[in-house]
Amino acid sequence: MNLFDILSNDERVIVLSDEGAKTIFTWNKSLTLQYWGWFPAEGYKASYWEEFSIRTLSEVPANFDIARKAALEWQVRFF
């Protein structure tokens, strides 16, 4: 998947990214956070983003800041 696929149709927004780890966390503006990782091109393969994990929040985030905070807390578990 490429970044345009992930963000197409305004279905998700990036709430957190880490350039060093080559990861992003997206939020669907409702209950779902997704954790994505970047895989660079090797040989004949194209570079792509792959979903590592998905998390459903127990309550609807009221706004971007609340979704970002939930992503930050989730990120700590992976690193």
N, C-alpha and C. Protein backbone atom coordinates (compact mmCIF):
# COMPACT_ATOMS: atom_id res chain seq x y z
N MET A 1 0.85 -1.16 0.00
CA MET A 1 0.00 0.00 0.00
C MET A 1 0.91 1.24 0.00
N ASN A 2 0.48 2.26 -0.68
CA ASN A 2 1.25 3.50 -0.62
C ASN A 2 0.51 4.49 0.28
N LEU A 3 1.16 5.60 0.57
CA LEU A 3 0.59 6.57 1.49
C LEU A 3 -0.73 7.15 0.97
N PHE A 4 -0.85 7.29 -0.34
CA PHE A 4 -2.09 7.81 -0.92
C PHE A 4 -3.24 6.84 -0.70
N ASP A 5 -2.95 5.53 -0.78
CA ASP A 5 -3.99 4.53 -0.49
C ASP A 5 -4.46 4.64 0.96
N ILE A 6 -3.51 4.81 1.87
CA ILE A 6 -3.84 4.90 3.30
C ILE A 6 -4.71 6.11 3.59
N LEU A 7 -4.41 7.23 2.96
CA LEU A 7 -5.11 8.48 3.26
C LEU A 7 -6.23 8.82 2.28
N SER A 8 -6.52 7.93 1.34
CA SER A 8 -7.51 8.22 0.30
C SER A 8 -8.92 8.43 0.87
N ASN A 9 -9.69 9.19 0.15
CA ASN A 9 -11.09 9.46 0.46
C ASN A 9 -11.30 10.07 1.84
N ASP A 10 -10.27 10.68 2.38
CA ASP A 10 -10.37 11.33 3.68
C ASP A 10 -10.88 10.38 4.76
N GLU A 11 -10.50 9.08 4.64
CA GLU A 11 -10.95 8.08 5.60
C GLU A 11 -10.07 8.02 6.85
N ARG A 12 -8.82 8.45 6.74
CA ARG A 12 -7.88 8.41 7.86
C ARG A 12 -7.04 9.69 7.88
N VAL A 13 -6.55 10.02 9.05
CA VAL A 13 -5.59 11.10 9.20
C VAL A 13 -4.41 10.57 10.01
N ILE A 14 -3.24 11.11 9.73
CA ILE A 14 -2.05 10.74 10.49
C ILE A 14 -2.08 11.52 11.80
N VAL A 15 -2.02 10.80 12.93
CA VAL A 15 -2.01 11.45 14.23
C VAL A 15 -0.63 11.41 14.89
N LEU A 16 0.25 10.54 14.37
CA LEU A 16 1.58 10.41 14.94
C LEU A 16 2.49 9.77 13.91
N SER A 17 3.72 10.24 13.84
CA SER A 17 4.69 9.62 12.93
C SER A 17 6.06 9.62 13.60
N ASP A 18 6.90 8.67 13.17
CA ASP A 18 8.25 8.56 13.68
C ASP A 18 9.16 8.26 12.49
N GLU A 19 9.90 9.29 12.06
CA GLU A 19 10.75 9.14 10.88
C GLU A 19 11.84 8.09 11.09
N GLY A 20 12.44 8.07 12.27
CA GLY A 20 13.51 7.12 12.55
C GLY A 20 13.04 5.68 12.50
N ALA A 21 11.87 5.42 13.04
CA ALA A 21 11.31 4.07 13.04
C ALA A 21 10.54 3.76 11.76
N LYS A 22 10.34 4.78 10.92
CA LYS A 22 9.57 4.66 9.68
C LYS A 22 8.17 4.10 9.94
N THR A 23 7.49 4.74 10.89
CA THR A 23 6.13 4.33 11.24
C THR A 23 5.19 5.52 11.28
N ILE A 24 3.91 5.24 11.07
CA ILE A 24 2.86 6.24 11.25
C ILE A 24 1.70 5.59 11.98
N PHE A 25 0.94 6.40 12.67
CA PHE A 25 -0.29 5.97 13.32
C PHE A 25 -1.41 6.80 12.68
N THR A 26 -2.45 6.12 12.23
CA THR A 26 -3.58 6.82 11.63
C THR A 26 -4.83 6.61 12.49
N TRP A 27 -5.76 7.52 12.32
CA TRP A 27 -7.03 7.50 13.05
C TRP A 27 -8.14 7.72 12.04
N ASN A 28 -9.23 6.98 12.17
CA ASN A 28 -10.33 7.11 11.21
C ASN A 28 -11.39 8.12 11.65
N LYS A 29 -11.07 8.98 12.61
CA LYS A 29 -11.96 10.01 13.12
C LYS A 29 -13.14 9.42 13.88
N SER A 30 -13.00 8.18 14.31
CA SER A 30 -14.06 7.53 15.07
C SER A 30 -13.42 6.67 16.16
N LEU A 31 -13.36 5.36 15.97
CA LEU A 31 -12.88 4.45 17.00
C LEU A 31 -11.58 3.71 16.67
N THR A 32 -11.05 3.87 15.48
CA THR A 32 -9.95 3.01 15.04
C THR A 32 -8.63 3.74 14.87
N LEU A 33 -7.59 3.19 15.52
CA LEU A 33 -6.21 3.61 15.30
C LEU A 33 -5.51 2.48 14.56
N GLN A 34 -4.65 2.83 13.61
CA GLN A 34 -3.87 1.84 12.89
C GLN A 34 -2.39 2.21 12.97
N TYR A 35 -1.55 1.19 13.11
CA TYR A 35 -0.11 1.35 13.21
C TYR A 35 0.49 0.79 11.92
N TRP A 36 1.22 1.63 11.18
CA TRP A 36 1.77 1.27 9.87
C TRP A 36 3.29 1.35 9.88
N GLY A 37 3.94 0.45 9.15
CA GLY A 37 5.39 0.47 9.02
C GLY A 37 5.80 0.53 7.56
N TRP A 38 6.91 1.18 7.29
CA TRP A 38 7.44 1.38 5.93
C TRP A 38 8.46 0.30 5.61
N PHE A 39 8.32 -0.31 4.46
CA PHE A 39 9.28 -1.31 3.98
C PHE A 39 9.92 -0.78 2.70
N PRO A 40 11.21 -0.44 2.76
CA PRO A 40 11.89 0.12 1.59
C PRO A 40 12.07 -0.92 0.49
N ALA A 41 12.25 -0.44 -0.73
CA ALA A 41 12.42 -1.31 -1.90
C ALA A 41 13.69 -2.15 -1.76
N GLU A 42 13.57 -3.40 -2.15
CA GLU A 42 14.72 -4.31 -2.22
C GLU A 42 14.63 -5.07 -3.54
N GLY A 43 15.67 -4.93 -4.34
CA GLY A 43 15.68 -5.64 -5.62
C GLY A 43 14.55 -5.17 -6.51
N TYR A 44 13.73 -6.09 -6.94
CA TYR A 44 12.64 -5.79 -7.87
C TYR A 44 11.36 -5.34 -7.16
N LYS A 45 11.32 -5.43 -5.86
CA LYS A 45 10.11 -5.08 -5.11
C LYS A 45 10.01 -3.56 -4.93
N ALA A 46 8.80 -3.07 -4.91
CA ALA A 46 8.55 -1.64 -4.68
C ALA A 46 8.42 -1.38 -3.18
N SER A 47 8.75 -0.19 -2.77
CA SER A 47 8.57 0.20 -1.37
C SER A 47 7.07 0.25 -1.05
N TYR A 48 6.72 -0.04 0.19
CA TYR A 48 5.31 -0.04 0.54
C TYR A 48 5.11 0.14 2.04
N TRP A 49 3.89 0.52 2.42
CA TRP A 49 3.45 0.61 3.80
C TRP A 49 2.63 -0.63 4.12
N GLU A 50 2.83 -1.18 5.31
CA GLU A 50 2.06 -2.34 5.74
C GLU A 50 1.49 -2.08 7.14
N GLU A 51 0.26 -2.50 7.34
CA GLU A 51 -0.36 -2.34 8.64
C GLU A 51 0.23 -3.35 9.61
N PHE A 52 0.79 -2.87 10.73
CA PHE A 52 1.35 -3.74 11.76
C PHE A 52 0.28 -4.19 12.74
N SER A 53 -0.57 -3.25 13.12
CA SER A 53 -1.56 -3.55 14.15
C SER A 53 -2.71 -2.55 14.06
N ILE A 54 -3.81 -2.94 14.67
CA ILE A 54 -4.99 -2.08 14.69
C ILE A 54 -5.54 -2.10 16.11
N ARG A 55 -6.09 -0.99 16.54
CA ARG A 55 -6.63 -0.89 17.89
C ARG A 55 -7.96 -0.17 17.83
N THR A 56 -8.93 -0.72 18.51
CA THR A 56 -10.23 -0.07 18.62
C THR A 56 -10.29 0.62 19.98
N LEU A 57 -10.60 1.89 19.96
CA LEU A 57 -10.70 2.65 21.20
C LEU A 57 -12.03 2.36 21.88
N SER A 58 -12.05 2.46 23.19
CA SER A 58 -13.28 2.16 23.92
C SER A 58 -14.29 3.29 23.85
N GLU A 59 -13.81 4.49 23.58
CA GLU A 59 -14.70 5.64 23.46
C GLU A 59 -14.32 6.43 22.22
N VAL A 60 -15.27 7.08 21.63
CA VAL A 60 -15.01 7.88 20.44
C VAL A 60 -14.12 9.06 20.82
N PRO A 61 -12.97 9.22 20.19
CA PRO A 61 -12.16 10.42 20.47
C PRO A 61 -12.94 11.67 20.09
N ALA A 62 -12.91 12.64 20.97
CA ALA A 62 -13.64 13.87 20.71
C ALA A 62 -12.95 14.73 19.67
N ASN A 63 -11.63 14.55 19.53
CA ASN A 63 -10.90 15.38 18.58
C ASN A 63 -9.53 14.76 18.27
N PHE A 64 -8.81 15.42 17.41
CA PHE A 64 -7.50 14.97 16.97
C PHE A 64 -6.54 14.80 18.15
N ASP A 65 -6.54 15.73 19.08
CA ASP A 65 -5.61 15.69 20.21
C ASP A 65 -5.81 14.45 21.08
N ILE A 66 -7.03 14.07 21.31
CA ILE A 66 -7.31 12.87 22.10
C ILE A 66 -6.86 11.62 21.35
N ALA A 67 -7.09 11.58 20.04
CA ALA A 67 -6.63 10.44 19.24
C ALA A 67 -5.10 10.37 19.23
N ARG A 68 -4.45 11.52 19.14
CA ARG A 68 -2.98 11.55 19.16
C ARG A 68 -2.44 11.05 20.50
N LYS A 69 -3.06 11.45 21.59
CA LYS A 69 -2.63 10.99 22.91
C LYS A 69 -2.75 9.48 23.01
N ALA A 70 -3.84 8.92 22.51
CA ALA A 70 -4.02 7.46 22.53
C ALA A 70 -2.95 6.78 21.69
N ALA A 71 -2.59 7.37 20.55
CA ALA A 71 -1.54 6.80 19.69
C ALA A 71 -0.18 6.86 20.39
N LEU A 72 0.11 7.96 21.08
CA LEU A 72 1.37 8.07 21.83
C LEU A 72 1.47 7.00 22.91
N GLU A 73 0.39 6.78 23.63
CA GLU A 73 0.38 5.75 24.67
C GLU A 73 0.58 4.36 24.06
N TRP A 74 -0.02 4.13 22.91
CA TRP A 74 0.09 2.85 22.22
C TRP A 74 1.51 2.66 21.69
N GLN A 75 2.12 3.72 21.17
CA GLN A 75 3.47 3.65 20.61
C GLN A 75 4.48 3.19 21.66
N VAL A 76 4.32 3.63 22.88
CA VAL A 76 5.24 3.27 23.97
C VAL A 76 5.32 1.75 24.11
N ARG A 77 4.24 1.05 23.88
CA ARG A 77 4.22 -0.42 24.00
C ARG A 77 5.05 -1.09 22.91
N PHE A 78 5.19 -0.46 21.75
CA PHE A 78 5.93 -1.05 20.64
C PHE A 78 7.42 -0.75 20.72
N PHE A 79 7.79 0.34 21.37
CA PHE A 79 9.22 0.74 21.40
C PHE A 79 9.71 0.61 22.79
